[in-house]
Each structure stands twice: as C-alpha cells, then as structure tokens.
Amino acid sequence: MDEKIVQLAPMLGLIDAPFMNAIAKVGGFEEIFAPYMLADERSMPKPQVLARRFSGISKSVNLVPQLLSNNADAFVAMANILNDLGYPKVNWNMGCPIKFVVSKNRGAALLRDLENLERLFDSTIGRLKAELSVKIRIGFSSPDEFPAIIEVFNKFKLNELIVHARTAEQQYDGEPYRKAFIESAGNSLNPIVYNGDIACAADANISLPNLKGYMIGRGAIVNPYIGLQIKNLPINNAMPFRQFVADIAEWYANHSASSCLSRQKELWKYFSQAFENPTGVFDRLKSIDNSELFKSIVDKIFDNYKLMI
C-alpha cells in the first residue's frame, strides 16, 4: 500500500457535527468516524431516527458510522439500516475501554474472550450489506495478547482493522505500545490502520506493507491541519485556525446555546495546546460563564498569543 489514508477518530463529546464540518473544510482526512451508537436488539432505532442522528453533519463529510454492540443480530440489523441510508461502511467499536462500557461486555471487553469473539464474527460476516471496519485495542491487559487477536481477525475479511496501540486497562494514559504493534501488525491479512498519539506528521512514520493509514483523535483537535501535513500538502490555503474555531463556536451558538460554553471549554483544553503558552491560554477561559465575554477573550488570545501550528 503506497499512499496512506488519514482518518479522524470518533471522540464522544468532542468530535461532533460542528467539529466534523469545520475539519472537512480544512481537508486532509479521507474519512471521519462518528462517535459510537449502541446497537442493542431491545432498542433498535427506526431508520428515520438514525437518519436524524447525522442531520447536522455536512454532506461534504465522508462519514463512517460506528456501532457499539456485543450482539451479532443487533449489529447486522443496524449496520444494514445504515447501509440503506447511504453509508457503505460501518465500524464496530471493540476498543472502547471506558468502565461502564466494559462492564456491559461491550467495546474492548470483547477482546477478553477470543473464542466468543470468533463466534460473534461467524454470526455476522456474510449478513452485512456494508463493508466492515473494526476498531480494537492492542490487548485488554497486555500487548502480548495482540498476536492471538490478529489470528482471530485473519479468519475474516475486513475493510480494515484499526488498532489503538494502548491496552484497554491503560485507558488513554501512558505510552502506546508502538514497538509491539509493529512486531505483530504485519501478520494481519486485513489492512491495518494505526491509532495512538499521533501529534505531528513525524509521528506517522510506521513502515508496514499492509499499513493502510493512520487514525488521529486528540492530535487533530490540537492541530486540524495534521492530515494535510502528513500528506505533505500546503496548509497556507486552508481555513485559518482562528476561523476554524469561530465556525465551531458559531454552530454551537445557533444550534446548542444551552451547552455552548461547556462544549467550547472542553475543546479549548486541546485548542490551547496550539499556542505557545497553553496553560496561560486555558486559564483565561476555564472560569468564564458568559458567552459574549468568552468570545471576547478568545479574540484577545488570537491577537496576543503565538500560534505554534
């Protein structure tokens, strides 16, 4: 595989409709993954409800829906509805490490029992209309689990296997096991996408014959131009960072006024890292409870602090 793709990771509560719409204008990401939806046979949504779920997302966004499920029938049913709605590819989230997800035997919990995992895929593959992408962790407790996980997925044909190179027990802390990933990922018969702490173009430097590309989450919030930079494309003509932030703020003001400030503050924990003095930048914003004042301080930050991207 020569030219690598770059995907935007699904980060619940952060990468939502306004962020997706804004980063699609910037460019550099072939696919944008939606935060997960639960596929449960006891509460299967109607097609019109699923369609509304993505109604705020621009048609320019190449969106990949993501499902969280431990039930083959529910996953197939919901994935096929999404395919009928015009989404030719669906991602199965088998990497979420959050405790309340794992406690329900969903997300990364499925990696703890590989025999059950294989049975789950036996009941799924062949019934799907959409192409299947799967997102996993390098292991539940240890990266030593990764080779056996690869062997299970080698029995099935996938569009791709996206691997977050941390274990589920690490959550989002500590260093990714990049070396362990490289040692075993080349044995995958499915295309591989690497995920984990890609903060700059230099971090996208993995050489594997079956590497399809990179998935980026937090690094893309700090630097929405990272996809262009990985591809060595110019960013001078892309939407300026100031306008990128303003587009997102305007969307919140028009569509979600009640949560406008809280959502922006969550994003500014990352946006602030794009400036020379990130702590000083975020300190100016974190306690503001007035939207107009918040906007005014953001303007002053762009006028007075040096951007590092």
C-alpha atoms as a PDB file:
ATOM      1  CA  MET A   1       0.000   0.000   0.000  1.00  0.00           C
ATOM      2  CA  ASP A   2       1.597   3.249  -1.118  1.00  0.00           C
ATOM      3  CA  GLU A   3      -0.462   6.325  -0.298  1.00  0.00           C
ATOM      4  CA  LYS A   4      -1.735   6.208   3.273  1.00  0.00           C
ATOM      5  CA  ILE A   5      -5.153   7.472   4.266  1.00  0.00           C
ATOM      6  CA  VAL A   6      -5.808   9.605   7.344  1.00  0.00           C
ATOM      7  CA  GLN A   7      -8.955   9.083   9.410  1.00  0.00           C
ATOM      8  CA  LEU A   8     -10.464  11.255  12.125  1.00  0.00           C
ATOM      9  CA  ALA A   9     -11.136   9.258  15.285  1.00  0.00           C
ATOM     10  CA  PRO A  10     -14.549   9.235  16.994  1.00  0.00           C
ATOM     11  CA  MET A  11     -14.206  11.086  20.305  1.00  0.00           C
ATOM     12  CA  LEU A  12     -17.530  11.220  22.137  1.00  0.00           C
ATOM     13  CA  GLY A  13     -18.375  14.733  23.322  1.00  0.00           C
ATOM     14  CA  LEU A  14     -15.565  16.389  21.369  1.00  0.00           C
ATOM     15  CA  ILE A  15     -15.610  15.396  17.712  1.00  0.00           C
ATOM     16  CA  ASP A  16     -19.222  16.166  16.864  1.00  0.00           C
ATOM     17  CA  ALA A  17     -21.121  17.787  13.996  1.00  0.00           C
ATOM     18  CA  PRO A  18     -19.557  21.282  14.158  1.00  0.00           C
ATOM     19  CA  PHE A  19     -16.038  19.895  14.500  1.00  0.00           C
ATOM     20  CA  MET A  20     -16.577  17.437  11.648  1.00  0.00           C
ATOM     21  CA  ASN A  21     -17.985  20.157   9.398  1.00  0.00           C
ATOM     22  CA  ALA A  22     -15.101  22.516  10.139  1.00  0.00           C
ATOM     23  CA  ILE A  23     -12.319  19.971   9.681  1.00  0.00           C
ATOM     24  CA  ALA A  24     -13.876  18.774   6.423  1.00  0.00           C
ATOM     25  CA  LYS A  25     -13.360  22.336   5.135  1.00  0.00           C
ATOM     26  CA  VAL A  26      -9.700  22.154   6.186  1.00  0.00           C
ATOM     27  CA  GLY A  27      -9.155  18.839   4.389  1.00  0.00           C
ATOM     28  CA  GLY A  28      -6.567  16.112   4.836  1.00  0.00           C
ATOM     29  CA  PHE A  29      -8.919  13.438   6.218  1.00  0.00           C
ATOM     30  CA  GLU A  30     -10.356  10.847   3.845  1.00  0.00           C
ATOM     31  CA  GLU A  31     -12.840   9.583   6.434  1.00  0.00           C
ATOM     32  CA  ILE A  32     -14.414  10.943   9.599  1.00  0.00           C
ATOM     33  CA  PHE A  33     -15.722   8.409  12.111  1.00  0.00           C
ATOM     34  CA  ALA A  34     -18.833   9.246  14.115  1.00  0.00           C
ATOM     35  CA  PRO A  35     -18.891   8.622  17.880  1.00  0.00           C
ATOM     36  CA  TYR A  36     -20.447   5.280  18.664  1.00  0.00           C
ATOM     37  CA  MET A  37     -24.126   4.427  18.759  1.00  0.00           C
ATOM     38  CA  LEU A  38     -25.411   1.450  20.721  1.00  0.00           C
ATOM     39  CA  ALA A  39     -26.738  -1.458  18.653  1.00  0.00           C
ATOM     40  CA  ASP A  40     -28.983  -3.399  21.012  1.00  0.00           C
ATOM     41  CA  GLU A  41     -31.776  -5.736  19.928  1.00  0.00           C
ATOM     42  CA  ARG A  42     -34.018  -4.434  22.718  1.00  0.00           C
ATOM     43  CA  SER A  43     -33.968  -0.845  21.422  1.00  0.00           C
ATOM     44  CA  MET A  44     -33.411  -0.879  17.669  1.00  0.00           C
ATOM     45  CA  PRO A  45     -33.938   2.644  16.275  1.00  0.00           C
ATOM     46  CA  LYS A  46     -36.137   3.247  13.260  1.00  0.00           C
ATOM     47  CA  PRO A  47     -34.406   4.320  10.013  1.00  0.00           C
ATOM     48  CA  GLN A  48     -35.781   7.866  10.255  1.00  0.00           C
ATOM     49  CA  VAL A  49     -34.360   8.216  13.773  1.00  0.00           C
ATOM     50  CA  LEU A  50     -30.937   7.049  12.583  1.00  0.00           C
ATOM     51  CA  ALA A  51     -31.082   9.482   9.671  1.00  0.00           C
ATOM     52  CA  ARG A  52     -31.749  12.386  12.052  1.00  0.00           C
ATOM     53  CA  ARG A  53     -28.736  11.357  14.120  1.00  0.00           C
ATOM     54  CA  PHE A  54     -26.464  12.706  11.372  1.00  0.00           C
ATOM     55  CA  SER A  55     -28.681  15.546  10.151  1.00  0.00           C
ATOM     56  CA  GLY A  56     -26.341  18.296  11.369  1.00  0.00           C
ATOM     57  CA  ILE A  57     -23.335  16.902   9.529  1.00  0.00           C
ATOM     58  CA  SER A  58     -22.409  18.425   6.180  1.00  0.00           C
ATOM     59  CA  LYS A  59     -22.702  16.314   3.033  1.00  0.00           C
ATOM     60  CA  SER A  60     -19.011  17.116   2.428  1.00  0.00           C
ATOM     61  CA  VAL A  61     -18.112  14.876   5.375  1.00  0.00           C
ATOM     62  CA  ASN A  62     -17.228  11.301   4.343  1.00  0.00           C
ATOM     63  CA  LEU A  63     -18.807   9.845   7.456  1.00  0.00           C
ATOM     64  CA  VAL A  64     -18.296   6.318   8.810  1.00  0.00           C
ATOM     65  CA  PRO A  65     -20.881   5.405  11.486  1.00  0.00           C
ATOM     66  CA  GLN A  66     -19.564   3.468  14.474  1.00  0.00           C
ATOM     67  CA  LEU A  67     -21.573   0.910  16.439  1.00  0.00           C
ATOM     68  CA  LEU A  68     -21.050  -0.470  19.929  1.00  0.00           C
ATOM     69  CA  SER A  69     -22.520  -3.932  20.364  1.00  0.00           C
ATOM     70  CA  ASN A  70     -21.993  -7.440  21.710  1.00  0.00           C
ATOM     71  CA  ASN A  71     -24.907  -8.899  19.743  1.00  0.00           C
ATOM     72  CA  ALA A  72     -24.437 -10.080  16.151  1.00  0.00           C
ATOM     73  CA  ASP A  73     -28.123  -9.804  15.201  1.00  0.00           C
ATOM     74  CA  ALA A  74     -28.428  -6.267  16.534  1.00  0.00           C
ATOM     75  CA  PHE A  75     -25.192  -5.194  14.877  1.00  0.00           C
ATOM     76  CA  VAL A  76     -26.199  -6.638  11.493  1.00  0.00           C
ATOM     77  CA  ALA A  77     -29.678  -5.107  11.662  1.00  0.00           C
ATOM     78  CA  MET A  78     -28.414  -1.618  12.488  1.00  0.00           C
ATOM     79  CA  ALA A  79     -25.472  -1.760  10.082  1.00  0.00           C
ATOM     80  CA  ASN A  80     -27.813  -2.766   7.257  1.00  0.00           C
ATOM     81  CA  ILE A  81     -30.173   0.107   8.050  1.00  0.00           C
ATOM     82  CA  LEU A  82     -27.200   2.479   7.886  1.00  0.00           C
ATOM     83  CA  ASN A  83     -26.164   0.975   4.564  1.00  0.00           C
ATOM     84  CA  ASP A  84     -29.663   1.572   3.202  1.00  0.00           C
ATOM     85  CA  LEU A  85     -29.376   5.190   4.384  1.00  0.00           C
ATOM     86  CA  GLY A  86     -26.278   5.637   2.235  1.00  0.00           C
ATOM     87  CA  TYR A  87     -23.381   4.622   4.476  1.00  0.00           C
ATOM     88  CA  PRO A  88     -21.411   1.898   2.652  1.00  0.00           C
ATOM     89  CA  LYS A  89     -19.007   1.281   5.534  1.00  0.00           C
ATOM     90  CA  VAL A  90     -19.664   0.718   9.244  1.00  0.00           C
ATOM     91  CA  ASN A  91     -17.172   0.473  12.093  1.00  0.00           C
ATOM     92  CA  TRP A  92     -17.527  -1.959  15.008  1.00  0.00           C
ATOM     93  CA  ASN A  93     -16.130  -0.453  18.194  1.00  0.00           C
ATOM     94  CA  MET A  94     -14.237  -3.207  20.009  1.00  0.00           C
ATOM     95  CA  GLY A  95     -11.762  -0.805  21.546  1.00  0.00           C
ATOM     96  CA  CYS A  96     -13.685   1.420  23.950  1.00  0.00           C
ATOM     97  CA  PRO A  97     -12.044   0.954  27.383  1.00  0.00           C
ATOM     98  CA  ILE A  98     -14.474   3.018  29.482  1.00  0.00           C
ATOM     99  CA  LYS A  99     -15.539   1.061  32.568  1.00  0.00           C
ATOM    100  CA  PHE A 100     -19.311   1.312  32.112  1.00  0.00           C
ATOM    101  CA  VAL A 101     -18.919   0.019  28.533  1.00  0.00           C
ATOM    102  CA  VAL A 102     -16.605  -2.825  29.542  1.00  0.00           C
ATOM    103  CA  SER A 103     -18.900  -3.764  32.437  1.00  0.00           C
ATOM    104  CA  LYS A 104     -21.653  -4.453  29.873  1.00  0.00           C
ATOM    105  CA  ASN A 105     -19.284  -6.737  27.929  1.00  0.00           C
ATOM    106  CA  ARG A 106     -19.027  -4.277  25.056  1.00  0.00           C
ATOM    107  CA  GLY A 107     -16.145  -2.411  23.468  1.00  0.00           C
ATOM    108  CA  ALA A 108     -12.726  -3.682  24.500  1.00  0.00           C
ATOM    109  CA  ALA A 109     -14.324  -6.278  26.806  1.00  0.00           C
ATOM    110  CA  LEU A 110     -14.874  -8.436  23.715  1.00  0.00           C
ATOM    111  CA  LEU A 111     -11.098  -8.891  23.416  1.00  0.00           C
ATOM    112  CA  ARG A 112     -11.007 -10.846  26.687  1.00  0.00           C
ATOM    113  CA  ASP A 113     -12.679 -13.929  25.198  1.00  0.00           C
ATOM    114  CA  LEU A 114     -11.322 -14.705  21.731  1.00  0.00           C
ATOM    115  CA  GLU A 115     -13.445 -17.835  21.275  1.00  0.00           C
ATOM    116  CA  ASN A 116     -16.576 -15.778  21.828  1.00  0.00           C
ATOM    117  CA  LEU A 117     -15.174 -13.071  19.548  1.00  0.00           C
ATOM    118  CA  GLU A 118     -14.772 -15.599  16.747  1.00  0.00           C
ATOM    119  CA  ARG A 119     -18.320 -16.889  17.260  1.00  0.00           C
ATOM    120  CA  LEU A 120     -19.581 -13.317  17.115  1.00  0.00           C
ATOM    121  CA  PHE A 121     -17.932 -12.728  13.751  1.00  0.00           C
ATOM    122  CA  ASP A 122     -19.073 -16.097  12.426  1.00  0.00           C
ATOM    123  CA  SER A 123     -22.621 -14.882  13.103  1.00  0.00           C
ATOM    124  CA  THR A 124     -22.013 -11.507  11.481  1.00  0.00           C
ATOM    125  CA  ILE A 125     -19.856 -11.849   8.359  1.00  0.00           C
ATOM    126  CA  GLY A 126     -21.918 -12.754   5.333  1.00  0.00           C
ATOM    127  CA  ARG A 127     -25.057 -10.976   6.529  1.00  0.00           C
ATOM    128  CA  LEU A 128     -23.747  -7.428   6.228  1.00  0.00           C
ATOM    129  CA  LYS A 129     -24.547  -5.154   3.301  1.00  0.00           C
ATOM    130  CA  ALA A 130     -21.904  -2.619   4.362  1.00  0.00           C
ATOM    131  CA  GLU A 131     -18.156  -3.051   4.407  1.00  0.00           C
ATOM    132  CA  LEU A 132     -16.913  -3.810   7.907  1.00  0.00           C
ATOM    133  CA  SER A 133     -14.243  -1.812   9.695  1.00  0.00           C
ATOM    134  CA  VAL A 134     -13.244  -2.884  13.224  1.00  0.00           C
ATOM    135  CA  LYS A 135     -11.532  -0.785  15.892  1.00  0.00           C
ATOM    136  CA  ILE A 136      -9.677  -2.610  18.667  1.00  0.00           C
ATOM    137  CA  ARG A 137      -7.013  -2.191  21.336  1.00  0.00           C
ATOM    138  CA  ILE A 138      -3.617  -3.901  21.140  1.00  0.00           C
ATOM    139  CA  GLY A 139      -4.845  -6.047  24.007  1.00  0.00           C
ATOM    140  CA  PHE A 140      -7.078  -5.888  27.048  1.00  0.00           C
ATOM    141  CA  SER A 141      -4.390  -6.208  29.723  1.00  0.00           C
ATOM    142  CA  SER A 142      -1.165  -6.675  27.764  1.00  0.00           C
ATOM    143  CA  PRO A 143       0.229  -6.103  24.265  1.00  0.00           C
ATOM    144  CA  ASP A 144       1.273  -9.766  24.402  1.00  0.00           C
ATOM    145  CA  GLU A 145      -2.362 -10.547  23.539  1.00  0.00           C
ATOM    146  CA  PHE A 146      -2.074  -8.842  20.154  1.00  0.00           C
ATOM    147  CA  PRO A 147      -0.742 -11.764  18.043  1.00  0.00           C
ATOM    148  CA  ALA A 148      -3.645 -14.020  19.108  1.00  0.00           C
ATOM    149  CA  ILE A 149      -6.142 -11.224  18.408  1.00  0.00           C
ATOM    150  CA  ILE A 150      -4.665 -10.817  14.920  1.00  0.00           C
ATOM    151  CA  GLU A 151      -5.075 -14.573  14.316  1.00  0.00           C
ATOM    152  CA  VAL A 152      -8.809 -14.362  15.053  1.00  0.00           C
ATOM    153  CA  PHE A 153      -9.376 -11.465  12.682  1.00  0.00           C
ATOM    154  CA  ASN A 154      -7.302 -13.173   9.986  1.00  0.00           C
ATOM    155  CA  LYS A 155     -10.170 -15.660   9.645  1.00  0.00           C
ATOM    156  CA  PHE A 156     -12.464 -12.909   8.363  1.00  0.00           C
ATOM    157  CA  LYS A 157     -12.330 -10.408   5.525  1.00  0.00           C
ATOM    158  CA  LEU A 158     -12.493  -6.833   6.825  1.00  0.00           C
ATOM    159  CA  ASN A 159     -12.256  -3.458   5.171  1.00  0.00           C
ATOM    160  CA  GLU A 160      -9.639  -2.642   7.814  1.00  0.00           C
ATOM    161  CA  LEU A 161      -8.525  -3.322  11.360  1.00  0.00           C
ATOM    162  CA  ILE A 162      -7.893  -0.104  13.305  1.00  0.00           C
ATOM    163  CA  VAL A 163      -5.567  -0.704  16.250  1.00  0.00           C
ATOM    164  CA  HIS A 164      -5.195   1.683  19.157  1.00  0.00           C
ATOM    165  CA  ALA A 165      -1.758   0.707  20.418  1.00  0.00           C
ATOM    166  CA  ARG A 166      -2.690   1.001  24.107  1.00  0.00           C
ATOM    167  CA  THR A 167      -4.314  -1.736  26.164  1.00  0.00           C
ATOM    168  CA  ALA A 168      -7.831  -1.291  27.467  1.00  0.00           C
ATOM    169  CA  GLU A 169      -6.501  -1.156  31.029  1.00  0.00           C
ATOM    170  CA  GLN A 170      -4.340   1.831  30.085  1.00  0.00           C
ATOM    171  CA  GLN A 171      -7.456   3.732  29.023  1.00  0.00           C
ATOM    172  CA  TYR A 172      -5.919   6.803  27.315  1.00  0.00           C
ATOM    173  CA  ASP A 173      -2.867   7.142  29.571  1.00  0.00           C
ATOM    174  CA  GLY A 174       0.724   6.005  29.307  1.00  0.00           C
ATOM    175  CA  GLU A 175       2.714   5.343  26.162  1.00  0.00           C
ATOM    176  CA  PRO A 176       1.261   3.374  23.244  1.00  0.00           C
ATOM    177  CA  TYR A 177       2.971   0.048  22.546  1.00  0.00           C
ATOM    178  CA  ARG A 178       4.190   1.127  19.125  1.00  0.00           C
ATOM    179  CA  LYS A 179       7.012  -1.451  19.005  1.00  0.00           C
ATOM    180  CA  ALA A 180       4.657  -4.330  19.860  1.00  0.00           C
ATOM    181  CA  PHE A 181       2.246  -3.047  17.224  1.00  0.00           C
ATOM    182  CA  ILE A 182       4.938  -3.032  14.526  1.00  0.00           C
ATOM    183  CA  GLU A 183       6.191  -6.505  15.509  1.00  0.00           C
ATOM    184  CA  SER A 184       2.775  -8.167  15.014  1.00  0.00           C
ATOM    185  CA  ALA A 185       0.601  -5.936  12.816  1.00  0.00           C
ATOM    186  CA  GLY A 186       2.451  -7.078   9.686  1.00  0.00           C
ATOM    187  CA  ASN A 187       0.934 -10.546  10.235  1.00  0.00           C
ATOM    188  CA  SER A 188      -2.563  -9.236   9.666  1.00  0.00           C
ATOM    189  CA  LEU A 189      -4.246 -10.427   6.474  1.00  0.00           C
ATOM    190  CA  ASN A 190      -6.511  -7.383   6.717  1.00  0.00           C
ATOM    191  CA  PRO A 191      -5.380  -3.806   6.058  1.00  0.00           C
ATOM    192  CA  ILE A 192      -4.153  -2.154   9.246  1.00  0.00           C
ATOM    193  CA  VAL A 193      -4.694   1.388  10.500  1.00  0.00           C
ATOM    194  CA  TYR A 194      -2.512   2.669  13.354  1.00  0.00           C
ATOM    195  CA  ASN A 195      -4.019   4.791  16.146  1.00  0.00           C
ATOM    196  CA  GLY A 196      -2.285   6.243  19.176  1.00  0.00           C
ATOM    197  CA  ASP A 197      -0.544   9.546  20.000  1.00  0.00           C
ATOM    198  CA  ILE A 198      -0.033  10.968  16.525  1.00  0.00           C
ATOM    199  CA  ALA A 199       0.608  14.602  17.410  1.00  0.00           C
ATOM    200  CA  CYS A 200       2.555  15.690  14.345  1.00  0.00           C
ATOM    201  CA  ALA A 201       3.384  14.495  10.841  1.00  0.00           C
ATOM    202  CA  ALA A 202       6.657  12.963  12.049  1.00  0.00           C
ATOM    203  CA  ASP A 203       4.681  10.537  14.247  1.00  0.00           C
ATOM    204  CA  ALA A 204       3.114   8.983  11.130  1.00  0.00           C
ATOM    205  CA  ASN A 205       6.253   7.068  10.255  1.00  0.00           C
ATOM    206  CA  ILE A 206       5.300   3.396  10.513  1.00  0.00           C
ATOM    207  CA  SER A 207       6.535   1.170   7.712  1.00  0.00           C
ATOM    208  CA  LEU A 208       4.473  -1.973   7.156  1.00  0.00           C
ATOM    209  CA  PRO A 209       3.400  -3.499   3.829  1.00  0.00           C
ATOM    210  CA  ASN A 210      -0.208  -3.844   4.986  1.00  0.00           C
ATOM    211  CA  LEU A 211      -0.467  -0.421   6.662  1.00  0.00           C
ATOM    212  CA  LYS A 212      -3.489   1.366   5.200  1.00  0.00           C
ATOM    213  CA  GLY A 213      -3.077   4.578   7.161  1.00  0.00           C
ATOM    214  CA  TYR A 214      -3.488   6.425  10.435  1.00  0.00           C
ATOM    215  CA  MET A 215      -6.374   7.354  12.700  1.00  0.00           C
ATOM    216  CA  ILE A 216      -5.948  10.560  14.693  1.00  0.00           C
ATOM    217  CA  GLY A 217      -8.034  11.870  17.598  1.00  0.00           C
ATOM    218  CA  ARG A 218      -6.610  14.317  20.123  1.00  0.00           C
ATOM    219  CA  GLY A 219      -3.810  15.359  17.777  1.00  0.00           C
ATOM    220  CA  ALA A 220      -6.370  16.588  15.250  1.00  0.00           C
ATOM    221  CA  ILE A 221      -8.168  18.748  17.815  1.00  0.00           C
ATOM    222  CA  VAL A 222      -4.912  20.489  18.729  1.00  0.00           C
ATOM    223  CA  ASN A 223      -3.857  20.710  15.075  1.00  0.00           C
ATOM    224  CA  PRO A 224      -6.639  20.317  12.476  1.00  0.00           C
ATOM    225  CA  TYR A 225      -4.010  20.620   9.709  1.00  0.00           C
ATOM    226  CA  ILE A 226      -2.239  17.406  10.697  1.00  0.00           C
ATOM    227  CA  GLY A 227      -3.865  15.400   7.905  1.00  0.00           C
ATOM    228  CA  LEU A 228      -2.555  17.837   5.299  1.00  0.00           C
ATOM    229  CA  GLN A 229       0.881  17.838   6.922  1.00  0.00           C
ATOM    230  CA  ILE A 230       1.104  14.034   6.914  1.00  0.00           C
ATOM    231  CA  LYS A 231       0.367  14.132   3.196  1.00  0.00           C
ATOM    232  CA  ASN A 232       2.945  16.909   2.760  1.00  0.00           C
ATOM    233  CA  LEU A 233       0.276  19.205   1.347  1.00  0.00           C
ATOM    234  CA  PRO A 234       0.397  23.001   1.794  1.00  0.00           C
ATOM    235  CA  ILE A 235      -1.684  24.475   4.610  1.00  0.00           C
ATOM    236  CA  ASN A 236      -1.352  28.112   3.586  1.00  0.00           C
ATOM    237  CA  ASN A 237      -4.608  27.994   1.618  1.00  0.00           C
ATOM    238  CA  ALA A 238      -6.527  26.042   4.270  1.00  0.00           C
ATOM    239  CA  MET A 239      -9.022  27.660   6.614  1.00  0.00           C
ATOM    240  CA  PRO A 240      -7.085  29.672   9.258  1.00  0.00           C
ATOM    241  CA  PHE A 241      -7.195  28.232  12.781  1.00  0.00           C
ATOM    242  CA  ARG A 242      -8.986  31.343  14.032  1.00  0.00           C
ATOM    243  CA  GLN A 243     -11.778  30.799  11.506  1.00  0.00           C
ATOM    244  CA  PHE A 244     -11.851  27.078  12.295  1.00  0.00           C
ATOM    245  CA  VAL A 245     -12.517  27.861  15.965  1.00  0.00           C
ATOM    246  CA  ALA A 246     -15.039  30.590  15.072  1.00  0.00           C
ATOM    247  CA  ASP A 247     -17.032  28.242  12.797  1.00  0.00           C
ATOM    248  CA  ILE A 248     -17.413  25.736  15.630  1.00  0.00           C
ATOM    249  CA  ALA A 249     -18.406  28.445  18.126  1.00  0.00           C
ATOM    250  CA  GLU A 250     -20.997  29.836  15.720  1.00  0.00           C
ATOM    251  CA  TRP A 251     -22.553  26.402  15.229  1.00  0.00           C
ATOM    252  CA  TYR A 252     -22.893  25.917  18.988  1.00  0.00           C
ATOM    253  CA  ALA A 253     -24.414  29.370  19.406  1.00  0.00           C
ATOM    254  CA  ASN A 254     -27.020  28.645  16.726  1.00  0.00           C
ATOM    255  CA  HIS A 255     -27.804  25.009  17.479  1.00  0.00           C
ATOM    256  CA  SER A 256     -26.889  24.292  21.080  1.00  0.00           C
ATOM    257  CA  ALA A 257     -26.968  27.542  23.015  1.00  0.00           C
ATOM    258  CA  SER A 258     -27.600  25.888  26.386  1.00  0.00           C
ATOM    259  CA  SER A 259     -24.367  23.884  26.208  1.00  0.00           C
ATOM    260  CA  CYS A 260     -22.399  26.345  24.073  1.00  0.00           C
ATOM    261  CA  LEU A 261     -19.836  27.320  26.720  1.00  0.00           C
ATOM    262  CA  SER A 262     -19.317  23.896  28.262  1.00  0.00           C
ATOM    263  CA  ARG A 263     -18.680  22.283  24.862  1.00  0.00           C
ATOM    264  CA  GLN A 264     -16.279  25.023  23.816  1.00  0.00           C
ATOM    265  CA  LYS A 265     -14.348  24.766  27.077  1.00  0.00           C
ATOM    266  CA  GLU A 266     -13.862  21.043  26.528  1.00  0.00           C
ATOM    267  CA  LEU A 267     -12.440  21.776  23.081  1.00  0.00           C
ATOM    268  CA  TRP A 268     -10.270  24.607  24.369  1.00  0.00           C
ATOM    269  CA  LYS A 269      -8.443  22.172  26.653  1.00  0.00           C
ATOM    270  CA  TYR A 270      -6.986  20.986  23.343  1.00  0.00           C
ATOM    271  CA  PHE A 271      -7.124  24.196  21.276  1.00  0.00           C
ATOM    272  CA  SER A 272      -4.993  25.894  23.965  1.00  0.00           C
ATOM    273  CA  GLN A 273      -2.164  23.440  23.208  1.00  0.00           C
ATOM    274  CA  ALA A 274      -1.834  25.022  19.761  1.00  0.00           C
ATOM    275  CA  PHE A 275      -0.488  28.185  21.426  1.00  0.00           C
ATOM    276  CA  GLU A 276       2.913  28.970  22.898  1.00  0.00           C
ATOM    277  CA  ASN A 277       1.583  29.214  26.466  1.00  0.00           C
ATOM    278  CA  PRO A 278      -1.222  26.597  26.650  1.00  0.00           C
ATOM    279  CA  THR A 279      -1.729  26.807  30.418  1.00  0.00           C
ATOM    280  CA  GLY A 280      -1.993  30.584  30.308  1.00  0.00           C
ATOM    281  CA  VAL A 281      -4.436  30.408  27.406  1.00  0.00           C
ATOM    282  CA  PHE A 282      -6.788  27.922  29.028  1.00  0.00           C
ATOM    283  CA  ASP A 283      -6.607  29.670  32.417  1.00  0.00           C
ATOM    284  CA  ARG A 284      -8.113  32.755  30.778  1.00  0.00           C
ATOM    285  CA  LEU A 285     -11.147  30.789  29.597  1.00  0.00           C
ATOM    286  CA  LYS A 286     -11.934  27.995  32.021  1.00  0.00           C
ATOM    287  CA  SER A 287     -13.928  30.015  34.597  1.00  0.00           C
ATOM    288  CA  ILE A 288     -15.871  32.298  32.228  1.00  0.00           C
ATOM    289  CA  ASP A 289     -19.638  31.789  32.360  1.00  0.00           C
ATOM    290  CA  ASN A 290     -20.744  34.440  29.855  1.00  0.00           C
ATOM    291  CA  SER A 291     -20.803  33.684  26.141  1.00  0.00           C
ATOM    292  CA  GLU A 292     -20.028  37.209  24.951  1.00  0.00           C
ATOM    293  CA  LEU A 293     -17.124  37.537  27.368  1.00  0.00           C
ATOM    294  CA  PHE A 294     -15.841  34.119  26.292  1.00  0.00           C
ATOM    295  CA  LYS A 295     -15.874  35.212  22.639  1.00  0.00           C
ATOM    296  CA  SER A 296     -14.085  38.447  23.530  1.00  0.00           C
ATOM    297  CA  ILE A 297     -11.318  36.610  25.402  1.00  0.00           C
ATOM    298  CA  VAL A 298     -10.896  34.154  22.525  1.00  0.00           C
ATOM    299  CA  ASP A 299     -10.351  37.116  20.194  1.00  0.00           C
ATOM    300  CA  LYS A 300      -7.721  38.533  22.573  1.00  0.00           C
ATOM    301  CA  ILE A 301      -5.978  35.158  22.744  1.00  0.00           C
ATOM    302  CA  PHE A 302      -5.635  35.060  18.963  1.00  0.00           C
ATOM    303  CA  ASP A 303      -4.400  38.650  18.974  1.00  0.00           C
ATOM    304  CA  ASN A 304      -1.837  38.236  21.748  1.00  0.00           C
ATOM    305  CA  TYR A 305      -0.638  34.619  21.901  1.00  0.00           C
ATOM    306  CA  LYS A 306       1.651  32.963  19.394  1.00  0.00           C
ATOM    307  CA  LEU A 307       0.223  30.029  17.444  1.00  0.00           C
ATOM    308  CA  MET A 308       2.551  27.009  17.197  1.00  0.00           C
ATOM    309  CA  ILE A 309       0.793  25.179  14.346  1.00  0.00           C
END
